[in-house]
Amino acid sequence: MGTRLFVGGLAHSKSEQDLNTMFAPCGTVQSAHIATDKVTGQSRGFGFVRMSSEAEAEQAISTLNSTEVDGRTLTVRVAKSQAEKRGPMAQADGNPGTNHS
């Protein structure tokens, strides 16, 4: 399945092919996706890359995190799952925002 990485700080001109090219020296890129605005289709300045192994993902993080590309500093880290982003209450009962106190 590979390891999914969050890539922040992307110039709005970057394409998914650019992401693929940027991460390829670190290992096998299974997929690269840039988040876009639903209305305008413009890049939101971040994306996701799936590397084929955890070791390749770690290599990409150590190689690319905090580097400057097109005048912007990249943030590269392991992406959080949807459940992790919602927080512990959402994980407990599947209903975000429910207060059990």
C-alpha atoms as a PDB file:
ATOM      1  CA  MET A   1       0.000   0.000   0.000  1.00  0.00           C
ATOM      2  CA  GLY A   2       2.908   2.384   0.618  1.00  0.00           C
ATOM      3  CA  THR A   3       3.244   5.408   2.845  1.00  0.00           C
ATOM      4  CA  ARG A   4       1.281   8.576   2.137  1.00  0.00           C
ATOM      5  CA  LEU A   5       3.089  11.887   2.627  1.00  0.00           C
ATOM      6  CA  PHE A   6       1.690  15.384   3.024  1.00  0.00           C
ATOM      7  CA  VAL A   7       3.588  18.004   1.004  1.00  0.00           C
ATOM      8  CA  GLY A   8       2.912  21.623   1.972  1.00  0.00           C
ATOM      9  CA  GLY A   9       4.332  24.908   0.771  1.00  0.00           C
ATOM     10  CA  LEU A  10       4.037  24.112  -2.930  1.00  0.00           C
ATOM     11  CA  ALA A  11       4.133  26.921  -5.460  1.00  0.00           C
ATOM     12  CA  HIS A  12       0.729  27.183  -7.133  1.00  0.00           C
ATOM     13  CA  SER A  13       2.388  26.520 -10.485  1.00  0.00           C
ATOM     14  CA  LYS A  14       3.507  22.998  -9.481  1.00  0.00           C
ATOM     15  CA  SER A  15       1.872  20.039 -11.217  1.00  0.00           C
ATOM     16  CA  GLU A  16       1.425  16.424 -10.176  1.00  0.00           C
ATOM     17  CA  GLN A  17       4.185  15.534 -12.651  1.00  0.00           C
ATOM     18  CA  ASP A  18       6.462  18.053 -10.875  1.00  0.00           C
ATOM     19  CA  LEU A  19       5.732  16.302  -7.560  1.00  0.00           C
ATOM     20  CA  ASN A  20       6.489  12.931  -9.109  1.00  0.00           C
ATOM     21  CA  THR A  21       9.799  14.230 -10.478  1.00  0.00           C
ATOM     22  CA  MET A  22      10.712  15.859  -7.158  1.00  0.00           C
ATOM     23  CA  PHE A  23      10.153  12.667  -5.126  1.00  0.00           C
ATOM     24  CA  ALA A  24      11.434  10.071  -7.648  1.00  0.00           C
ATOM     25  CA  PRO A  25      15.099  10.277  -6.504  1.00  0.00           C
ATOM     26  CA  CYS A  26      13.937   9.061  -3.061  1.00  0.00           C
ATOM     27  CA  GLY A  27      12.261   5.904  -4.381  1.00  0.00           C
ATOM     28  CA  THR A  28       9.202   4.651  -6.211  1.00  0.00           C
ATOM     29  CA  VAL A  29       6.371   7.172  -6.333  1.00  0.00           C
ATOM     30  CA  GLN A  30       3.077   5.269  -6.447  1.00  0.00           C
ATOM     31  CA  SER A  31       0.948   8.399  -6.805  1.00  0.00           C
ATOM     32  CA  ALA A  32       1.143  12.170  -6.607  1.00  0.00           C
ATOM     33  CA  HIS A  33      -1.855  14.464  -6.149  1.00  0.00           C
ATOM     34  CA  ILE A  34      -2.142  18.235  -5.762  1.00  0.00           C
ATOM     35  CA  ALA A  35      -5.167  19.558  -3.891  1.00  0.00           C
ATOM     36  CA  THR A  36      -7.182  22.039  -5.940  1.00  0.00           C
ATOM     37  CA  ASP A  37      -9.968  24.480  -5.161  1.00  0.00           C
ATOM     38  CA  LYS A  38     -13.305  22.959  -6.156  1.00  0.00           C
ATOM     39  CA  VAL A  39     -14.594  26.166  -7.726  1.00  0.00           C
ATOM     40  CA  THR A  40     -11.531  27.633  -9.464  1.00  0.00           C
ATOM     41  CA  GLY A  41      -9.469  24.497 -10.048  1.00  0.00           C
ATOM     42  CA  GLN A  42      -6.404  26.394  -8.782  1.00  0.00           C
ATOM     43  CA  SER A  43      -3.787  24.638  -6.647  1.00  0.00           C
ATOM     44  CA  ARG A  44      -4.288  25.032  -2.900  1.00  0.00           C
ATOM     45  CA  GLY A  45      -0.504  24.895  -2.352  1.00  0.00           C
ATOM     46  CA  PHE A  46      -0.329  21.387  -0.929  1.00  0.00           C
ATOM     47  CA  GLY A  47      -0.564  17.819  -2.074  1.00  0.00           C
ATOM     48  CA  PHE A  48       0.060  14.181  -1.279  1.00  0.00           C
ATOM     49  CA  VAL A  49       2.626  11.681  -2.490  1.00  0.00           C
ATOM     50  CA  ARG A  50       2.464   7.939  -1.879  1.00  0.00           C
ATOM     51  CA  MET A  51       5.871   6.259  -1.713  1.00  0.00           C
ATOM     52  CA  SER A  52       6.073   2.485  -2.152  1.00  0.00           C
ATOM     53  CA  SER A  53       7.706   1.816   1.239  1.00  0.00           C
ATOM     54  CA  GLU A  54       8.134   3.363   4.650  1.00  0.00           C
ATOM     55  CA  ALA A  55      11.917   3.531   4.108  1.00  0.00           C
ATOM     56  CA  GLU A  56      11.439   5.511   0.881  1.00  0.00           C
ATOM     57  CA  ALA A  57       8.983   7.813   2.630  1.00  0.00           C
ATOM     58  CA  GLU A  58      11.511   8.460   5.411  1.00  0.00           C
ATOM     59  CA  GLN A  59      14.158   9.171   2.760  1.00  0.00           C
ATOM     60  CA  ALA A  60      11.843  11.680   1.082  1.00  0.00           C
ATOM     61  CA  ILE A  61      11.112  13.403   4.391  1.00  0.00           C
ATOM     62  CA  SER A  62      14.788  13.682   5.334  1.00  0.00           C
ATOM     63  CA  THR A  63      15.753  14.839   1.832  1.00  0.00           C
ATOM     64  CA  LEU A  64      12.941  17.280   1.022  1.00  0.00           C
ATOM     65  CA  ASN A  65      11.445  18.605   4.281  1.00  0.00           C
ATOM     66  CA  SER A  66      12.389  22.252   4.927  1.00  0.00           C
ATOM     67  CA  THR A  67      14.011  22.644   1.500  1.00  0.00           C
ATOM     68  CA  GLU A  68      13.292  25.673  -0.645  1.00  0.00           C
ATOM     69  CA  VAL A  69      11.641  25.154  -4.031  1.00  0.00           C
ATOM     70  CA  ASP A  70      10.567  28.105  -6.166  1.00  0.00           C
ATOM     71  CA  GLY A  71      11.090  30.475  -3.231  1.00  0.00           C
ATOM     72  CA  ARG A  72       8.845  28.481  -0.874  1.00  0.00           C
ATOM     73  CA  THR A  73       9.832  26.183   1.979  1.00  0.00           C
ATOM     74  CA  LEU A  74       8.411  22.664   1.688  1.00  0.00           C
ATOM     75  CA  THR A  75       6.855  20.765   4.557  1.00  0.00           C
ATOM     76  CA  VAL A  76       7.031  17.006   4.031  1.00  0.00           C
ATOM     77  CA  ARG A  77       5.652  14.628   6.660  1.00  0.00           C
ATOM     78  CA  VAL A  78       3.648  11.434   6.966  1.00  0.00           C
ATOM     79  CA  ALA A  79       0.024  12.320   6.211  1.00  0.00           C
ATOM     80  CA  LYS A  80      -2.555  11.949   8.951  1.00  0.00           C
ATOM     81  CA  SER A  81      -5.539   9.691   8.371  1.00  0.00           C
ATOM     82  CA  GLN A  82      -9.034  11.180   8.312  1.00  0.00           C
ATOM     83  CA  ALA A  83      -9.724   9.675  11.757  1.00  0.00           C
ATOM     84  CA  GLU A  84      -6.581  11.289  13.211  1.00  0.00           C
ATOM     85  CA  LYS A  85      -7.623  14.690  11.854  1.00  0.00           C
ATOM     86  CA  ARG A  86     -11.085  14.480  13.453  1.00  0.00           C
ATOM     87  CA  GLY A  87      -9.681  13.833  16.932  1.00  0.00           C
ATOM     88  CA  PRO A  88     -10.282  11.347  19.746  1.00  0.00           C
ATOM     89  CA  MET A  89     -14.016  12.009  20.243  1.00  0.00           C
ATOM     90  CA  ALA A  90     -14.758  11.278  16.589  1.00  0.00           C
ATOM     91  CA  GLN A  91     -12.727   8.071  16.792  1.00  0.00           C
ATOM     92  CA  ALA A  92     -14.605   6.904  19.889  1.00  0.00           C
ATOM     93  CA  ASP A  93     -18.139   7.055  18.516  1.00  0.00           C
ATOM     94  CA  GLY A  94     -17.808   8.073  14.866  1.00  0.00           C
ATOM     95  CA  ASN A  95     -19.749  11.277  15.514  1.00  0.00           C
ATOM     96  CA  PRO A  96     -17.550  14.402  15.477  1.00  0.00           C
ATOM     97  CA  GLY A  97     -18.516  17.075  17.952  1.00  0.00           C
ATOM     98  CA  THR A  98     -20.459  14.805  20.314  1.00  0.00           C
ATOM     99  CA  ASN A  99     -19.783  15.632  23.947  1.00  0.00           C
ATOM    100  CA  HIS A 100     -20.237  12.714  26.331  1.00  0.00           C
ATOM    101  CA  SER A 101     -19.815  14.650  29.611  1.00  0.00           C
END
